PDB file of N, CA and C in Angstrom:
ATOM      1  N   MET A   1     142.240  42.539 -13.338  1.00  0.00           N
ATOM      2  CA  MET A   1     143.527  42.778 -12.704  1.00  0.00           C
ATOM      3  C   MET A   1     144.246  41.430 -12.567  1.00  0.00           C
ATOM      4  N   ASN A   2     145.520  41.450 -12.815  1.00  0.00           N
ATOM      5  CA  ASN A   2     146.336  40.244 -12.703  1.00  0.00           C
ATOM      6  C   ASN A   2     146.636  39.921 -11.241  1.00  0.00           C
ATOM      7  N   PRO A   3     146.768  38.639 -10.898  1.00  0.00           N
ATOM      8  CA  PRO A   3     147.164  38.290  -9.533  1.00  0.00           C
ATOM      9  C   PRO A   3     148.617  38.674  -9.290  1.00  0.00           C
ATOM     10  N   VAL A   4     148.976  38.870  -8.035  1.00  0.00           N
ATOM     11  CA  VAL A   4     150.364  39.146  -7.696  1.00  0.00           C
ATOM     12  C   VAL A   4     151.170  37.898  -8.010  1.00  0.00           C
ATOM     13  N   THR A   5     152.252  38.066  -8.776  1.00  0.00           N
ATOM     14  CA  THR A   5     153.110  36.947  -9.148  1.00  0.00           C
ATOM     15  C   THR A   5     154.537  37.247  -8.733  1.00  0.00           C
ATOM     16  N   GLU A   6     155.433  36.319  -9.011  1.00  0.00           N
ATOM     17  CA  GLU A   6     156.833  36.498  -8.641  1.00  0.00           C
ATOM     18  C   GLU A   6     157.599  37.391  -9.624  1.00  0.00           C
ATOM     19  N   SER A   7     156.999  37.792 -10.731  1.00  0.00           N
ATOM     20  CA  SER A   7     157.652  38.637 -11.723  1.00  0.00           C
ATOM     21  C   SER A   7     156.914  39.964 -11.798  1.00  0.00           C
ATOM     22  N   GLN A   8     157.584  41.036 -11.429  1.00  0.00           N
ATOM     23  CA  GLN A   8     156.913  42.326 -11.278  1.00  0.00           C
ATOM     24  C   GLN A   8     157.697  43.463 -11.904  1.00  0.00           C
ATOM     25  N   ASN A   9     157.055  44.636 -11.949  1.00  0.00           N
ATOM     26  CA  ASN A   9     157.743  45.884 -12.260  1.00  0.00           C
ATOM     27  C   ASN A   9     158.580  46.247 -11.036  1.00  0.00           C
ATOM     28  N   TYR A  10     159.546  47.149 -11.223  1.00  0.00           N
ATOM     29  CA  TYR A  10     160.356  47.565 -10.084  1.00  0.00           C
ATOM     30  C   TYR A  10     160.718  49.032 -10.204  1.00  0.00           C
ATOM     31  N   LYS A  11     161.002  49.631  -9.062  1.00  0.00           N
ATOM     32  CA  LYS A  11     161.465  51.019  -9.016  1.00  0.00           C
ATOM     33  C   LYS A  11     162.395  51.168  -7.825  1.00  0.00           C
ATOM     34  N   ASN A  12     163.576  51.699  -8.084  1.00  0.00           N
ATOM     35  CA  ASN A  12     164.528  51.973  -7.012  1.00  0.00           C
ATOM     36  C   ASN A  12     164.197  53.340  -6.421  1.00  0.00           C
ATOM     37  N   ILE A  13     164.194  53.430  -5.092  1.00  0.00           N
ATOM     38  CA  ILE A  13     163.871  54.689  -4.417  1.00  0.00           C
ATOM     39  C   ILE A  13     164.911  55.021  -3.353  1.00  0.00           C
ATOM     40  N   THR A  14     165.104  56.312  -3.127  1.00  0.00           N
ATOM     41  CA  THR A  14     165.975  56.783  -2.045  1.00  0.00           C
ATOM     42  C   THR A  14     165.292  57.892  -1.239  1.00  0.00           C
ATOM     43  N   SER A  15     164.082  58.285  -1.668  1.00  0.00           N
ATOM     44  CA  SER A  15     163.313  59.315  -0.966  1.00  0.00           C
ATOM     45  C   SER A  15     161.833  58.990  -1.127  1.00  0.00           C
ATOM     46  N   THR A  16     160.980  59.744  -0.466  1.00  0.00           N
ATOM     47  CA  THR A  16     159.540  59.518  -0.547  1.00  0.00           C
ATOM     48  C   THR A  16     159.101  59.574  -2.008  1.00  0.00           C
ATOM     49  N   THR A  17     158.368  58.524  -2.433  1.00  0.00           N
ATOM     50  CA  THR A  17     158.026  58.369  -3.845  1.00  0.00           C
ATOM     51  C   THR A  17     156.653  57.746  -4.008  1.00  0.00           C
ATOM     52  N   THR A  18     155.860  58.274  -4.940  1.00  0.00           N
ATOM     53  CA  THR A  18     154.669  57.570  -5.395  1.00  0.00           C
ATOM     54  C   THR A  18     155.142  56.670  -6.522  1.00  0.00           C
ATOM     55  N   VAL A  19     155.191  55.392  -6.244  1.00  0.00           N
ATOM     56  CA  VAL A  19     155.738  54.406  -7.179  1.00  0.00           C
ATOM     57  C   VAL A  19     154.808  54.208  -8.368  1.00  0.00           C
ATOM     58  N   TYR A  20     153.500  54.162  -8.106  1.00  0.00           N
ATOM     59  CA  TYR A  20     152.528  53.932  -9.175  1.00  0.00           C
ATOM     60  C   TYR A  20     151.197  54.544  -8.767  1.00  0.00           C
ATOM     61  N   THR A  21     150.500  55.145  -9.732  1.00  0.00           N
ATOM     62  CA  THR A  21     149.176  55.697  -9.493  1.00  0.00           C
ATOM     63  C   THR A  21     148.161  54.839 -10.223  1.00  0.00           C
ATOM     64  N   GLY A  22     147.181  54.349  -9.495  1.00  0.00           N
ATOM     65  CA  GLY A  22     146.163  53.450 -10.024  1.00  0.00           C
ATOM     66  C   GLY A  22     146.050  52.235  -9.130  1.00  0.00           C
ATOM     67  N   THR A  23     145.352  51.205  -9.610  1.00  0.00           N
ATOM     68  CA  THR A  23     145.216  49.978  -8.827  1.00  0.00           C
ATOM     69  C   THR A  23     146.301  48.991  -9.207  1.00  0.00           C
ATOM     70  N   GLY A  24     146.691  48.168  -8.260  1.00  0.00           N
ATOM     71  CA  GLY A  24     147.726  47.181  -8.533  1.00  0.00           C
ATOM     72  C   GLY A  24     147.995  46.296  -7.342  1.00  0.00           C
ATOM     73  N   GLY A  25     149.070  45.548  -7.445  1.00  0.00           N
ATOM     74  CA  GLY A  25     149.474  44.643  -6.374  1.00  0.00           C
ATOM     75  C   GLY A  25     150.959  44.785  -6.108  1.00  0.00           C
ATOM     76  N   MET A  26     151.316  44.786  -4.859  1.00  0.00           N
ATOM     77  CA  MET A  26     152.717  44.890  -4.468  1.00  0.00           C
ATOM     78  C   MET A  26     153.239  43.515  -4.093  1.00  0.00           C
ATOM     79  N   LEU A  27     154.466  43.204  -4.518  1.00  0.00           N
ATOM     80  CA  LEU A  27     155.119  41.954  -4.137  1.00  0.00           C
ATOM     81  C   LEU A  27     155.964  42.160  -2.883  1.00  0.00           C
ATOM     82  N   GLY A  28     156.754  43.234  -2.870  1.00  0.00           N
ATOM     83  CA  GLY A  28     157.590  43.483  -1.704  1.00  0.00           C
ATOM     84  C   GLY A  28     158.618  44.560  -1.944  1.00  0.00           C
ATOM     85  N   ILE A  29     159.529  44.673  -0.982  1.00  0.00           N
ATOM     86  CA  ILE A  29     160.564  45.706  -0.996  1.00  0.00           C
ATOM     87  C   ILE A  29     161.892  45.060  -0.621  1.00  0.00           C
ATOM     88  N   PHE A  30     162.930  45.330  -1.446  1.00  0.00           N
ATOM     89  CA  PHE A  30     164.282  44.912  -1.098  1.00  0.00           C
ATOM     90  C   PHE A  30     165.040  46.152  -0.641  1.00  0.00           C
ATOM     91  N   VAL A  31     165.595  46.104   0.557  1.00  0.00           N
ATOM     92  CA  VAL A  31     166.365  47.229   1.096  1.00  0.00           C
ATOM     93  C   VAL A  31     167.836  46.925   0.862  1.00  0.00           C
ATOM     94  N   ALA A  32     168.459  47.700  -0.038  1.00  0.00           N
ATOM     95  CA  ALA A  32     169.865  47.483  -0.371  1.00  0.00           C
ATOM     96  C   ALA A  32     170.786  48.056   0.698  1.00  0.00           C
ATOM     97  N   SER A  33     170.458  49.271   1.168  1.00  0.00           N
ATOM     98  CA  SER A  33     171.291  49.886   2.194  1.00  0.00           C
ATOM     99  C   SER A  33     170.468  50.882   3.000  1.00  0.00           C
ATOM    100  N   THR A  34     170.887  51.096   4.231  1.00  0.00           N
ATOM    101  CA  THR A  34     170.242  52.088   5.095  1.00  0.00           C
ATOM    102  C   THR A  34     171.159  52.412   6.266  1.00  0.00           C
ATOM    103  N   THR A  35     171.080  53.640   6.726  1.00  0.00           N
ATOM    104  CA  THR A  35     171.756  54.036   7.958  1.00  0.00           C
ATOM    105  C   THR A  35     170.703  54.691   8.846  1.00  0.00           C
ATOM    106  N   GLY A  36     169.898  53.845   9.462  1.00  0.00           N
ATOM    107  CA  GLY A  36     168.854  54.323  10.356  1.00  0.00           C
ATOM    108  C   GLY A  36     167.613  54.828   9.654  1.00  0.00           C
ATOM    109  N   GLY A  37     167.460  54.531   8.359  1.00  0.00           N
ATOM    110  CA  GLY A  37     166.287  54.977   7.620  1.00  0.00           C
ATOM    111  C   GLY A  37     165.040  54.198   8.015  1.00  0.00           C
ATOM    112  N   THR A  38     163.877  54.792   7.742  1.00  0.00           N
ATOM    113  CA  THR A  38     162.605  54.110   7.985  1.00  0.00           C
ATOM    114  C   THR A  38     161.751  54.168   6.732  1.00  0.00           C
ATOM    115  N   LEU A  39     160.771  53.265   6.675  1.00  0.00           N
ATOM    116  CA  LEU A  39     159.831  53.188   5.564  1.00  0.00           C
ATOM    117  C   LEU A  39     158.413  53.109   6.087  1.00  0.00           C
ATOM    118  N   ALA A  40     157.485  53.647   5.312  1.00  0.00           N
ATOM    119  CA  ALA A  40     156.050  53.452   5.539  1.00  0.00           C
ATOM    120  C   ALA A  40     155.437  53.291   4.153  1.00  0.00           C
ATOM    121  N   VAL A  41     154.382  52.478   4.051  1.00  0.00           N
ATOM    122  CA  VAL A  41     153.746  52.200   2.765  1.00  0.00           C
ATOM    123  C   VAL A  41     152.282  52.601   2.850  1.00  0.00           C
ATOM    124  N   ALA A  42     151.811  53.308   1.803  1.00  0.00           N
ATOM    125  CA  ALA A  42     150.429  53.776   1.804  1.00  0.00           C
ATOM    126  C   ALA A  42     149.754  53.511   0.464  1.00  0.00           C
ATOM    127  N   ASP A  43     148.437  53.342   0.533  1.00  0.00           N
ATOM    128  CA  ASP A  43     147.561  53.287  -0.630  1.00  0.00           C
ATOM    129  C   ASP A  43     146.886  54.646  -0.675  1.00  0.00           C
ATOM    130  N   GLY A  44     147.451  55.570  -1.460  1.00  0.00           N
ATOM    131  CA  GLY A  44     146.970  56.953  -1.427  1.00  0.00           C
ATOM    132  C   GLY A  44     147.253  57.545  -0.066  1.00  0.00           C
ATOM    133  N   VAL A  45     146.197  57.933   0.651  1.00  0.00           N
ATOM    134  CA  VAL A  45     146.373  58.480   2.003  1.00  0.00           C
ATOM    135  C   VAL A  45     146.129  57.431   3.084  1.00  0.00           C
ATOM    136  N   ASN A  46     145.781  56.203   2.685  1.00  0.00           N
ATOM    137  CA  ASN A  46     145.496  55.132   3.645  1.00  0.00           C
ATOM    138  C   ASN A  46     146.750  54.310   3.930  1.00  0.00           C
ATOM    139  N   THR A  47     147.081  54.172   5.202  1.00  0.00           N
ATOM    140  CA  THR A  47     148.264  53.416   5.601  1.00  0.00           C
ATOM    141  C   THR A  47     148.074  51.931   5.309  1.00  0.00           C
ATOM    142  N   MET A  48     149.028  51.358   4.583  1.00  0.00           N
ATOM    143  CA  MET A  48     149.064  49.907   4.373  1.00  0.00           C
ATOM    144  C   MET A  48     149.984  49.272   5.417  1.00  0.00           C
ATOM    145  N   ILE A  49     151.170  49.875   5.573  1.00  0.00           N
ATOM    146  CA  ILE A  49     152.165  49.391   6.531  1.00  0.00           C
ATOM    147  C   ILE A  49     152.725  50.611   7.236  1.00  0.00           C
ATOM    148  N   GLY A  50     152.573  50.648   8.544  1.00  0.00           N
ATOM    149  CA  GLY A  50     153.081  51.770   9.322  1.00  0.00           C
ATOM    150  C   GLY A  50     154.598  51.843   9.267  1.00  0.00           C
ATOM    151  N   THR A  51     155.137  52.882   9.813  1.00  0.00           N
ATOM    152  CA  THR A  51     156.578  53.115   9.776  1.00  0.00           C
ATOM    153  C   THR A  51     157.336  51.973  10.459  1.00  0.00           C
ATOM    154  N   PHE A  52     158.355  51.469   9.737  1.00  0.00           N
ATOM    155  CA  PHE A  52     159.221  50.436  10.305  1.00  0.00           C
ATOM    156  C   PHE A  52     160.659  50.733   9.929  1.00  0.00           C
ATOM    157  N   THR A  53     161.587  50.163  10.688  1.00  0.00           N
ATOM    158  CA  THR A  53     163.018  50.344  10.453  1.00  0.00           C
ATOM    159  C   THR A  53     163.557  49.080   9.790  1.00  0.00           C
ATOM    160  N   PRO A  54     163.797  49.134   8.472  1.00  0.00           N
ATOM    161  CA  PRO A  54     164.265  47.942   7.776  1.00  0.00           C
ATOM    162  C   PRO A  54     165.751  47.685   7.986  1.00  0.00           C
ATOM    163  N   VAL A  55     166.158  46.473   7.669  1.00  0.00           N
ATOM    164  CA  VAL A  55     167.551  46.048   7.767  1.00  0.00           C
ATOM    165  C   VAL A  55     168.115  45.932   6.360  1.00  0.00           C
ATOM    166  N   ALA A  56     169.301  46.474   6.131  1.00  0.00           N
ATOM    167  CA  ALA A  56     169.941  46.408   4.820  1.00  0.00           C
ATOM    168  C   ALA A  56     170.161  44.956   4.393  1.00  0.00           C
ATOM    169  N   GLY A  57     170.003  44.697   3.099  1.00  0.00           N
ATOM    170  CA  GLY A  57     170.206  43.360   2.564  1.00  0.00           C
ATOM    171  C   GLY A  57     169.022  42.435   2.789  1.00  0.00           C
ATOM    172  N   THR A  58     167.858  42.997   3.081  1.00  0.00           N
ATOM    173  CA  THR A  58     166.678  42.196   3.407  1.00  0.00           C
ATOM    174  C   THR A  58     165.559  42.453   2.406  1.00  0.00           C
ATOM    175  N   PHE A  59     164.891  41.357   1.978  1.00  0.00           N
ATOM    176  CA  PHE A  59     163.694  41.465   1.158  1.00  0.00           C
ATOM    177  C   PHE A  59     162.490  41.279   2.064  1.00  0.00           C
ATOM    178  N   TYR A  60     161.567  42.225   1.995  1.00  0.00           N
ATOM    179  CA  TYR A  60     160.336  42.177   2.794  1.00  0.00           C
ATOM    180  C   TYR A  60     159.177  41.818   1.869  1.00  0.00           C
ATOM    181  N   PRO A  61     158.677  40.572   1.937  1.00  0.00           N
ATOM    182  CA  PRO A  61     157.527  40.207   1.110  1.00  0.00           C
ATOM    183  C   PRO A  61     156.270  40.883   1.635  1.00  0.00           C
ATOM    184  N   LEU A  62     155.604  41.638   0.771  1.00  0.00           N
ATOM    185  CA  LEU A  62     154.421  42.388   1.176  1.00  0.00           C
ATOM    186  C   LEU A  62     153.357  42.236   0.086  1.00  0.00           C
ATOM    187  N   PRO A  63     152.794  41.055  -0.063  1.00  0.00           N
ATOM    188  CA  PRO A  63     151.823  40.808  -1.132  1.00  0.00           C
ATOM    189  C   PRO A  63     150.461  41.417  -0.796  1.00  0.00           C
ATOM    190  N   ALA A  64     150.272  42.655  -1.230  1.00  0.00           N
ATOM    191  CA  ALA A  64     149.039  43.374  -0.905  1.00  0.00           C
ATOM    192  C   ALA A  64     148.553  44.156  -2.117  1.00  0.00           C
ATOM    193  N   ARG A  65     147.254  44.327  -2.212  1.00  0.00           N
ATOM    194  CA  ARG A  65     146.640  45.128  -3.275  1.00  0.00           C
ATOM    195  C   ARG A  65     146.536  46.585  -2.830  1.00  0.00           C
ATOM    196  N   PHE A  66     146.657  47.503  -3.792  1.00  0.00           N
ATOM    197  CA  PHE A  66     146.395  48.917  -3.523  1.00  0.00           C
ATOM    198  C   PHE A  66     145.386  49.411  -4.551  1.00  0.00           C
ATOM    199  N   ASN A  67     144.560  50.393  -4.156  1.00  0.00           N
ATOM    200  CA  ASN A  67     143.461  50.858  -5.001  1.00  0.00           C
ATOM    201  C   ASN A  67     143.671  52.236  -5.612  1.00  0.00           C
ATOM    202  N   THR A  68     144.421  53.102  -4.950  1.00  0.00           N
ATOM    203  CA  THR A  68     144.585  54.478  -5.410  1.00  0.00           C
ATOM    204  C   THR A  68     145.989  54.720  -5.965  1.00  0.00           C
ATOM    205  N   SER A  69     146.988  54.435  -5.141  1.00  0.00           N
ATOM    206  CA  SER A  69     148.388  54.597  -5.543  1.00  0.00           C
ATOM    207  C   SER A  69     149.269  53.879  -4.525  1.00  0.00           C
ATOM    208  N   LEU A  70     150.473  53.571  -4.956  1.00  0.00           N
ATOM    209  CA  LEU A  70     151.453  52.941  -4.073  1.00  0.00           C
ATOM    210  C   LEU A  70     152.512  53.987  -3.743  1.00  0.00           C
ATOM    211  N   THR A  71     152.518  54.433  -2.487  1.00  0.00           N
ATOM    212  CA  THR A  71     153.433  55.491  -2.064  1.00  0.00           C
ATOM    213  C   THR A  71     154.280  54.998  -0.903  1.00  0.00           C
ATOM    214  N   LEU A  72     155.588  55.206  -1.005  1.00  0.00           N
ATOM    215  CA  LEU A  72     156.499  54.863   0.076  1.00  0.00           C
ATOM    216  C   LEU A  72     157.078  56.136   0.664  1.00  0.00           C
ATOM    217  N   THR A  73     156.995  56.255   1.978  1.00  0.00           N
ATOM    218  CA  THR A  73     157.563  57.401   2.679  1.00  0.00           C
ATOM    219  C   THR A  73     158.891  56.964   3.280  1.00  0.00           C
ATOM    220  N   VAL A  74     159.947  57.660   2.906  1.00  0.00           N
ATOM    221  CA  VAL A  74     161.299  57.366   3.369  1.00  0.00           C
ATOM    222  C   VAL A  74     161.753  58.472   4.298  1.00  0.00           C
ATOM    223  N   ARG A  75     162.286  58.090   5.420  1.00  0.00           N
ATOM    224  CA  ARG A  75     162.909  59.028   6.354  1.00  0.00           C
ATOM    225  C   ARG A  75     164.341  58.551   6.566  1.00  0.00           C
ATOM    226  N   GLY A  76     165.277  59.475   6.653  1.00  0.00           N
ATOM    227  CA  GLY A  76     166.672  59.102   6.840  1.00  0.00           C
ATOM    228  C   GLY A  76     167.289  58.647   5.531  1.00  0.00           C
ATOM    229  N   THR A  77     168.387  57.911   5.628  1.00  0.00           N
ATOM    230  CA  THR A  77     169.126  57.445   4.457  1.00  0.00           C
ATOM    231  C   THR A  77     168.757  56.002   4.178  1.00  0.00           C
ATOM    232  N   LEU A  78     168.232  55.765   2.969  1.00  0.00           N
ATOM    233  CA  LEU A  78     167.759  54.427   2.621  1.00  0.00           C
ATOM    234  C   LEU A  78     167.759  54.274   1.108  1.00  0.00           C
ATOM    235  N   ASN A  79     168.159  53.106   0.630  1.00  0.00           N
ATOM    236  CA  ASN A  79     168.105  52.770  -0.792  1.00  0.00           C
ATOM    237  C   ASN A  79     167.361  51.446  -0.898  1.00  0.00           C
ATOM    238  N   ALA A  80     166.215  51.466  -1.599  1.00  0.00           N
ATOM    239  CA  ALA A  80     165.382  50.263  -1.675  1.00  0.00           C
ATOM    240  C   ALA A  80     164.801  50.121  -3.077  1.00  0.00           C
ATOM    241  N   THR A  81     164.396  48.903  -3.414  1.00  0.00           N
ATOM    242  CA  THR A  81     163.708  48.631  -4.670  1.00  0.00           C
ATOM    243  C   THR A  81     162.355  48.046  -4.339  1.00  0.00           C
ATOM    244  N   VAL A  82     161.311  48.647  -4.923  1.00  0.00           N
ATOM    245  CA  VAL A  82     159.928  48.218  -4.700  1.00  0.00           C
ATOM    246  C   VAL A  82     159.492  47.401  -5.918  1.00  0.00           C
ATOM    247  N   PHE A  83     158.824  46.272  -5.675  1.00  0.00           N
ATOM    248  CA  PHE A  83     158.324  45.417  -6.747  1.00  0.00           C
ATOM    249  C   PHE A  83     156.793  45.420  -6.714  1.00  0.00           C
ATOM    250  N   TRP A  84     156.150  45.702  -7.874  1.00  0.00           N
ATOM    251  CA  TRP A  84     154.693  45.779  -7.932  1.00  0.00           C
ATOM    252  C   TRP A  84     154.212  45.405  -9.332  1.00  0.00           C
ATOM    253  N   ASP A  85     152.917  45.234  -9.465  1.00  0.00           N
ATOM    254  CA  ASP A  85     152.288  44.954 -10.750  1.00  0.00           C
ATOM    255  C   ASP A  85     150.969  45.718 -10.811  1.00  0.00           C
ATOM    256  N   TYR A  86     150.454  45.926 -12.008  1.00  0.00           N
ATOM    257  CA  TYR A  86     149.174  46.611 -12.190  1.00  0.00           C
ATOM    258  C   TYR A  86     148.249  45.785 -13.041  1.00  0.00           C
TER     259      TYR A  86
END
């Protein structure tokens, strides 16, 4: 497996999404816009990052490995881009 680097795959999300299935590493999440939306990050069914309320225009560095899948749960209105590698 490659180490987490500054150059990653990306996926834009606006609703709950399994970004990738398999093992990999996450770099972070950029939140482009939100109106009271929340995010939670999971490795399959295991919580990586509990629910938080992000701020629009903010990049959240989250350099963590996942073993099963990278899933983001979105509540409310939110547009974000997730960066990861496998």
